[in-house]
Each structure stands twice: as structure tokens, then as C-alpha cells.
Amino acid sequence: MVGNGAECAPGFENGNLICHRSGSETERCRHPFLSLGVRASWVLLLACLAGLTSRANEATPKPPLDLSRFRADRILINPKQGVSLEKLRQLHSRNQCAVIGHFRALGNVQVLRLPQGPPARGLISNYAASALVDYAEPDYLVRTASAFPNDPRFLDGTLWGLNNAGQNGGKANADIDAPEAWGLVRSASNIIVAVLDTGVRYSHEDLSANMWGNSADGSHGTNALTGTTDPNDDSGHGTLVAGVIGASGNNGTGVVGAAWQAQIMACKFVDSLVNWVSVLTNLSTLDGSSVFTNGELPYQPSRFYRAWLTR
């Protein structure tokens, strides 16, 4: 995508999610997404992903040490200044710990190898209670603060709405900080997202792995127009929306969605032409979904439509 959206908008062409340069029909579009429905899709999905980690920011009691987040065979201690090295050696001997590394520039921090058997939590408590150390702590797991998928359209800067480094003259950081969010959570595989739109091309190479499956017949949604369970897309709009939500991430193909993994339920209630809001009554499959997003709006305000969306 060129710049920060001034000359391009994403679109759908020949069954692929791609970027279009703006022409006479799309010149008025100054946003990386083509419709209110697509923008709403980002908001809904990011809200779901944020919900998975929101509790981390709440004021809660300090949880017990999570053994999966640090090495079970090592701890770090920082001896107090002027401490008796003999007493420290005796403490190591009692705990059957061996010094395997020093960080003298950081107050002579020691890396200790633990014996087999005693849990790291107990040994940390022993050292902390000894009055010989300023602190004793686990050898914590370290991860990157952001995550960058290998999807080509992300790497070449096309998806600047996800990560904008100022490519092609655009405004740096005019984006949703997707890599930073992905550093915390990138999967919504336990969330069913119903996409109310023109259907979804569920065989798409960037979507097939993230399609919801009906355990009864293996279908991927419902079609309110035909009364069947085949919601295949004949327009492209629904497939675009589905890609924004959950195009497979880090698969080396095409684009990437807000969620690298998700369960996308395709709910077709409008085709490439038009339809009526009353067909929404046929979308009973939605009862099992966690979130739904709709990319189409009626031409006139509809109380039924509003009630159905908020039911």
C-alpha cells in the first residue's frame, strides 16, 4: 500500500486479497479498509484479543511463580555488599547449588545451577531468607516484545495499517501497533467469529485453516439466501472481511489477519446484488458464535435490523 492510505485501498480481485491503487471509483477512500464493516471487524477482533490479556493490568494479588516461565534448573542471586564469601559458600553447599556464572558489573550477581529434586521456588525462598543476598529470583523466560509474521504482504509494507514504518512516504506509526499486540497474544483459536456478509471463500489459501467447521456435516457456516449450509462467496467482500479478521498468520502466504488463528463462521445473507433484512431470521447458526461482524448496512434505518444485531 502506498503512503499512509492516500493513494491505495485494499480490495479483492480474482479471488485474492490484494491492494488496489485508488482510481475514479475508490479515490474518496482515505482509509486502509473499504467499508464500515471492515473497520468494525478490526475493532471487534482486537477487542476480543485484548480481552484475553486485560486482566494482566488489573490490581490483583501477586500470583505464585509460574514454573513454565523460568528455568527449573537455575536461579540468580545478588549477594549483599561485603557479605562473607565463606558464609555464602556454606549456603551454596547446604542447598547443593553450584555457581556457574557471575555478572560482576551488576553487583556480582551469581547464576546458580540447582540440584535435581528440590523445586526452584523453595531454593529461592531459602536464599531470600538467608540475609546474605539482596534478592534471589528465577532465571526468567525472555520473549520479544513484538511479533512479526512472515506473510509477504506484511513484510513488503502493503499492510501499513498493521505496522507503519513510514514506508513509501507514509506517516510512521500511523497504525494499530499489531506487532506489539501480537507480542502478547496472536491467536483467537477458541473464538468463533460469525461474518455476516456475502459469504466467505472458505477454500482460500489464507483462510481455509481458520474456518469454523460444523461437527455435523463439516460445513463452514450457513446461507440464508438458499437455505443451505454452503456460504461460498460470490462477491469477494465477505472474504475480504474474513481476511482482515483472521487470515492465517506466519504461514508465508498472502496477508495476515488481526488474529493469526481464529474460527471464522461464514454467514451469507446478501449476494453480489442486494437482499432484504428479513433473511437474517434464517441465520440460526449464529447461536454458537462468540462474536459476529457485519459488513453490510440497510439503505434505511431498520428497527428490526438494530434489534437483531443487539439481541
Protein backbone atom coordinates (compact mmCIF):
# COMPACT_ATOMS: atom_id res chain seq x y z
CA MET A 1 0.00 0.00 0.00
CA VAL A 2 1.34 3.40 -0.96
CA GLY A 3 2.00 6.00 1.70
CA ASN A 4 -0.43 6.02 4.59
CA GLY A 5 -3.53 5.27 2.59
CA ALA A 6 -3.75 8.40 0.49
CA GLU A 7 -3.35 6.53 -2.78
CA CYS A 8 -4.32 2.93 -2.05
CA ALA A 9 -7.06 0.83 -0.51
CA PRO A 10 -7.14 -2.92 -0.02
CA GLY A 11 -9.52 -4.81 -2.21
CA PHE A 12 -10.43 -8.18 -3.60
CA GLU A 13 -9.63 -9.25 -7.12
CA ASN A 14 -9.71 -12.63 -8.84
CA GLY A 15 -10.26 -14.39 -5.55
CA ASN A 16 -7.24 -12.84 -3.82
CA LEU A 17 -6.95 -10.29 -1.05
CA ILE A 18 -4.81 -7.54 -2.62
CA CYS A 19 -4.07 -3.82 -2.55
CA HIS A 20 -5.65 -1.55 -5.19
CA ARG A 21 -4.28 1.82 -6.25
CA SER A 22 -7.12 4.28 -5.97
CA GLY A 23 -8.91 5.18 -9.16
CA SER A 24 -12.02 7.06 -10.04
CA GLU A 25 -14.24 4.73 -8.05
CA THR A 26 -12.15 4.50 -4.91
CA GLU A 27 -10.48 7.89 -4.85
CA ARG A 28 -12.65 9.04 -1.98
CA CYS A 29 -11.44 6.19 0.23
CA ARG A 30 -8.77 7.50 2.59
CA HIS A 31 -8.76 4.58 4.97
CA PRO A 32 -6.99 1.21 4.67
CA PHE A 33 -10.33 -0.57 4.89
CA LEU A 34 -13.06 -0.30 2.31
CA SER A 35 -16.18 -0.19 4.46
CA LEU A 36 -17.65 0.40 7.86
CA GLY A 37 -17.97 -3.36 8.18
CA VAL A 38 -14.25 -3.93 7.65
CA ARG A 39 -13.32 -1.23 10.17
CA ALA A 40 -15.78 -2.74 12.63
CA SER A 41 -14.14 -6.12 12.09
CA TRP A 42 -10.81 -4.79 13.34
CA VAL A 43 -12.44 -3.21 16.37
CA LEU A 44 -14.33 -6.38 17.29
CA LEU A 45 -11.38 -8.72 16.84
CA LEU A 46 -8.89 -6.52 18.65
CA ALA A 47 -11.38 -6.13 21.48
CA CYS A 48 -11.60 -9.91 21.75
CA LEU A 49 -7.83 -10.28 21.71
CA ALA A 50 -7.45 -7.51 24.25
CA GLY A 51 -9.93 -9.28 26.49
CA LEU A 52 -7.62 -12.27 26.65
CA THR A 53 -4.93 -10.14 28.35
CA SER A 54 -6.87 -7.35 30.06
CA ARG A 55 -6.66 -8.99 33.46
CA ALA A 56 -2.92 -8.54 33.43
CA ASN A 57 -3.49 -4.83 34.02
CA GLU A 58 -5.81 -5.25 36.98
CA ALA A 59 -4.65 -4.75 40.53
CA THR A 60 -4.60 -8.36 41.74
CA PRO A 61 -2.54 -10.18 44.35
CA LYS A 62 0.83 -11.37 43.12
CA PRO A 63 0.33 -14.88 41.71
CA PRO A 64 2.56 -17.79 42.66
CA LEU A 65 5.59 -18.38 40.47
CA ASP A 66 4.70 -19.96 37.16
CA LEU A 67 7.24 -22.74 36.67
CA SER A 68 6.64 -22.73 32.93
CA ARG A 69 8.07 -19.22 32.64
CA PHE A 70 11.54 -19.78 34.04
CA ARG A 71 14.26 -22.39 34.04
CA ALA A 72 13.72 -25.09 36.61
CA ASP A 73 17.44 -25.82 36.95
CA ARG A 74 18.82 -22.30 37.55
CA ILE A 75 18.26 -19.25 39.73
CA LEU A 76 20.00 -15.88 40.13
CA ILE A 77 21.12 -14.30 43.39
CA ASN A 78 22.67 -10.93 44.18
CA PRO A 79 24.93 -11.19 47.27
CA LYS A 80 24.81 -8.26 49.64
CA GLN A 81 27.78 -5.91 49.52
CA GLY A 82 30.51 -7.00 51.93
CA VAL A 83 28.91 -10.37 52.64
CA SER A 84 31.20 -13.13 53.90
CA LEU A 85 32.15 -15.27 50.90
CA GLU A 86 32.69 -18.22 53.24
CA LYS A 87 29.14 -17.96 54.57
CA LEU A 88 27.88 -17.73 51.01
CA ARG A 89 29.82 -20.86 50.03
CA GLN A 90 28.36 -22.66 53.04
CA LEU A 91 24.88 -21.61 51.96
CA HIS A 92 25.51 -22.95 48.47
CA SER A 93 26.75 -26.19 49.95
CA ARG A 94 23.67 -26.64 52.16
CA ASN A 95 21.40 -26.05 49.20
CA GLN A 96 23.58 -28.20 46.92
CA CYS A 97 23.83 -25.34 44.43
CA ALA A 98 26.83 -24.59 42.23
CA VAL A 99 27.91 -21.18 40.93
CA ILE A 100 28.13 -21.39 37.12
CA GLY A 101 28.28 -17.70 36.21
CA HIS A 102 28.97 -14.19 37.51
CA PHE A 103 27.86 -10.70 36.50
CA ARG A 104 30.38 -8.62 38.41
CA ALA A 105 29.29 -5.40 36.74
CA LEU A 106 25.83 -5.90 38.26
CA GLY A 107 26.84 -6.31 41.88
CA ASN A 108 28.42 -9.72 41.40
CA VAL A 109 25.15 -11.43 40.56
CA GLN A 110 25.61 -15.19 40.57
CA VAL A 111 23.95 -17.78 38.36
CA LEU A 112 23.36 -20.97 40.32
CA ARG A 113 22.78 -24.45 38.99
CA LEU A 114 20.20 -26.23 41.13
CA PRO A 115 20.29 -29.84 42.25
CA GLN A 116 17.78 -32.31 40.90
CA GLY A 117 14.77 -32.69 43.12
CA PRO A 118 14.20 -29.54 45.20
CA PRO A 119 11.93 -27.07 43.37
CA ALA A 120 13.32 -23.70 42.36
CA ARG A 121 10.63 -21.95 44.39
CA GLY A 122 11.85 -23.45 47.64
CA LEU A 123 15.50 -22.70 46.97
CA ILE A 124 14.67 -19.10 46.08
CA SER A 125 12.92 -18.81 49.46
CA ASN A 126 15.95 -20.28 51.23
CA TYR A 127 18.30 -17.73 49.72
CA ALA A 128 15.92 -14.81 50.23
CA ALA A 129 15.60 -15.71 53.94
CA SER A 130 19.35 -16.08 54.47
CA ALA A 131 20.14 -12.36 54.99
CA LEU A 132 23.13 -12.90 52.68
CA VAL A 133 21.53 -11.71 49.43
CA ASP A 134 19.73 -8.62 48.24
CA TYR A 135 17.48 -10.76 46.09
CA ALA A 136 17.04 -14.25 44.72
CA GLU A 137 14.91 -14.84 41.66
CA PRO A 138 14.23 -17.29 38.85
CA ASP A 139 16.08 -17.33 35.54
CA TYR A 140 13.07 -15.91 33.77
CA LEU A 141 11.93 -16.71 30.27
CA VAL A 142 12.56 -13.79 27.91
CA ARG A 143 10.48 -13.16 24.84
CA THR A 144 10.36 -10.40 22.26
CA ALA A 145 8.01 -7.50 22.91
CA SER A 146 6.55 -7.81 19.43
CA ALA A 147 5.97 -10.45 16.80
CA PHE A 148 6.45 -10.14 13.04
CA PRO A 149 4.83 -12.76 10.81
CA ASN A 150 6.45 -13.91 7.56
CA ASP A 151 3.44 -13.18 5.35
CA PRO A 152 4.66 -11.42 2.16
CA ARG A 153 2.13 -8.59 2.12
CA PHE A 154 3.03 -7.75 5.70
CA LEU A 155 6.76 -7.86 5.11
CA ASP A 156 6.64 -5.68 1.98
CA GLY A 157 4.75 -2.92 3.83
CA THR A 158 1.47 -3.33 1.96
CA LEU A 159 -0.42 -3.82 5.20
CA TRP A 160 0.68 -0.47 6.62
CA GLY A 161 -2.44 -0.32 8.79
CA LEU A 162 -0.89 -3.11 10.87
CA ASN A 163 2.64 -1.73 11.02
CA ASN A 164 3.59 1.60 9.52
CA ALA A 165 7.30 2.39 9.46
CA GLY A 166 6.78 5.35 7.13
CA GLN A 167 7.15 3.22 4.02
CA ASN A 168 6.56 4.99 0.72
CA GLY A 169 6.37 8.38 2.39
CA GLY A 170 3.63 7.48 4.83
CA LYS A 171 3.37 8.67 8.41
CA ALA A 172 5.35 6.40 10.72
CA ASN A 173 3.32 4.71 13.47
CA ALA A 174 0.00 5.62 11.85
CA ASP A 175 -1.14 2.06 12.50
CA ILE A 176 -2.78 -0.18 15.10
CA ASP A 177 0.53 -1.43 16.59
CA ALA A 178 -0.25 -5.00 15.55
CA PRO A 179 3.26 -6.42 16.16
CA GLU A 180 3.20 -5.10 19.72
CA ALA A 181 -0.22 -6.69 20.30
CA TRP A 182 0.94 -9.94 18.72
CA GLY A 183 3.84 -9.97 21.15
CA LEU A 184 1.20 -10.52 23.86
CA VAL A 185 -1.38 -12.66 22.07
CA ARG A 186 -1.84 -13.57 18.44
CA SER A 187 -4.29 -16.47 18.49
CA ALA A 188 -8.06 -16.40 18.90
CA SER A 189 -8.46 -20.07 18.03
CA ASN A 190 -11.04 -20.54 20.78
CA ILE A 191 -13.25 -17.74 19.45
CA ILE A 192 -15.93 -18.31 16.81
CA VAL A 193 -16.38 -15.17 14.71
CA ALA A 194 -19.50 -15.13 12.57
CA VAL A 195 -19.04 -12.98 9.47
CA LEU A 196 -22.44 -11.75 8.22
CA ASP A 197 -21.74 -10.73 4.69
CA THR A 198 -21.61 -12.07 1.12
CA GLY A 199 -20.22 -15.35 2.37
CA VAL A 200 -16.58 -16.42 2.56
CA ARG A 201 -14.47 -18.30 0.03
CA TYR A 202 -13.62 -20.93 2.59
CA SER A 203 -11.13 -22.66 0.26
CA HIS A 204 -8.92 -19.54 0.14
CA GLU A 205 -5.30 -20.44 0.91
CA ASP A 206 -5.10 -17.79 3.64
CA LEU A 207 -8.46 -18.65 5.22
CA SER A 208 -9.07 -22.39 4.90
CA ALA A 209 -7.09 -23.27 8.03
CA ASN A 210 -9.06 -20.76 10.11
CA MET A 211 -12.59 -21.66 9.03
CA TRP A 212 -15.07 -22.87 11.61
CA GLY A 213 -16.30 -26.37 10.95
CA ASN A 214 -19.74 -27.77 11.68
CA SER A 215 -19.23 -31.05 13.54
CA ALA A 216 -22.41 -32.45 11.99
CA ASP A 217 -21.62 -32.03 8.30
CA GLY A 218 -18.22 -30.32 8.01
CA SER A 219 -19.71 -27.14 6.54
CA HIS A 220 -18.32 -23.72 7.35
CA GLY A 221 -21.45 -21.70 8.02
CA THR A 222 -24.86 -21.07 6.55
CA ASN A 223 -26.53 -19.48 3.56
CA ALA A 224 -29.70 -17.60 4.42
CA LEU A 225 -30.46 -16.99 0.73
CA THR A 226 -30.61 -20.62 -0.35
CA GLY A 227 -31.40 -22.26 2.97
CA THR A 228 -28.29 -24.41 2.70
CA THR A 229 -25.00 -24.74 4.59
CA ASP A 230 -22.87 -23.56 1.67
CA PRO A 231 -21.89 -19.91 2.31
CA ASN A 232 -19.41 -19.61 -0.57
CA ASP A 233 -18.70 -16.01 -1.57
CA ASP A 234 -19.85 -14.74 -4.97
CA SER A 235 -18.80 -11.15 -4.36
CA GLY A 236 -15.47 -11.03 -2.54
CA HIS A 237 -16.47 -8.58 0.16
CA GLY A 238 -17.11 -11.19 2.82
CA THR A 239 -13.82 -12.89 2.02
CA LEU A 240 -12.02 -9.57 2.43
CA VAL A 241 -13.66 -9.02 5.81
CA ALA A 242 -12.76 -12.55 6.89
CA GLY A 243 -9.15 -11.93 5.88
CA VAL A 244 -8.97 -8.74 7.92
CA ILE A 245 -10.23 -10.72 10.89
CA GLY A 246 -8.34 -13.96 10.61
CA ALA A 247 -6.16 -14.55 7.58
CA SER A 248 -3.65 -17.20 8.70
CA GLY A 249 -0.57 -15.61 10.18
CA ASN A 250 3.07 -16.59 9.75
CA ASN A 251 2.30 -19.10 7.01
CA GLY A 252 4.45 -17.42 4.38
CA THR A 253 1.41 -16.74 2.22
CA GLY A 254 -0.51 -13.61 1.23
CA VAL A 255 -1.65 -11.42 4.10
CA VAL A 256 -2.20 -11.72 7.84
CA GLY A 257 -5.29 -11.02 9.92
CA ALA A 258 -5.72 -9.40 13.31
CA ALA A 259 -5.80 -12.93 14.71
CA TRP A 260 -3.31 -15.45 13.29
CA GLN A 261 -5.69 -18.24 14.27
CA ALA A 262 -9.47 -17.99 14.65
CA GLN A 263 -12.69 -19.85 13.85
CA ILE A 264 -14.44 -17.95 11.08
CA MET A 265 -18.10 -18.85 10.58
CA ALA A 266 -19.32 -17.69 7.18
CA CYS A 267 -22.92 -16.45 7.26
CA LYS A 268 -24.16 -15.42 3.85
CA PHE A 269 -27.25 -13.23 3.85
CA VAL A 270 -26.55 -11.00 0.88
CA ASP A 271 -25.08 -11.75 -2.53
CA SER A 272 -23.27 -9.62 -5.08
CA LEU A 273 -26.51 -7.73 -5.69
CA VAL A 274 -28.89 -6.90 -2.79
CA ASN A 275 -31.22 -8.60 -0.34
CA TRP A 276 -33.66 -7.95 2.48
CA VAL A 277 -33.03 -7.70 6.21
CA SER A 278 -35.71 -10.32 6.87
CA VAL A 279 -33.37 -13.08 5.68
CA LEU A 280 -31.45 -12.60 8.93
CA THR A 281 -34.12 -14.74 10.61
CA ASN A 282 -32.58 -17.71 8.78
CA LEU A 283 -29.18 -17.35 10.46
CA SER A 284 -29.82 -19.66 13.42
CA THR A 285 -26.25 -21.00 13.18
CA LEU A 286 -25.06 -17.80 14.86
CA ASP A 287 -26.25 -19.07 18.23
CA GLY A 288 -22.89 -20.80 18.71
CA SER A 289 -20.65 -17.85 17.85
CA SER A 290 -18.77 -15.66 20.30
CA VAL A 291 -18.53 -12.56 18.12
CA PHE A 292 -20.09 -11.54 14.86
CA THR A 293 -19.31 -8.81 12.40
CA ASN A 294 -21.40 -7.45 9.58
CA GLY A 295 -20.11 -5.52 6.59
CA GLU A 296 -23.47 -4.54 5.12
CA LEU A 297 -25.98 -1.90 6.22
CA PRO A 298 -29.62 -1.43 5.13
CA TYR A 299 -30.40 1.52 2.91
CA GLN A 300 -32.76 2.94 5.53
CA PRO A 301 -32.69 2.71 9.36
CA SER A 302 -34.33 -0.55 10.43
CA ARG A 303 -35.53 -1.22 13.98
CA PHE A 304 -35.59 -4.94 13.24
CA TYR A 305 -32.02 -4.87 11.96
CA ARG A 306 -30.82 -2.97 15.02
CA ALA A 307 -32.68 -5.32 17.37
CA TRP A 308 -31.31 -8.37 15.60
CA LEU A 309 -27.71 -7.12 15.86
CA THR A 310 -28.06 -6.38 19.59
CA ARG A 311 -30.12 -9.41 20.57
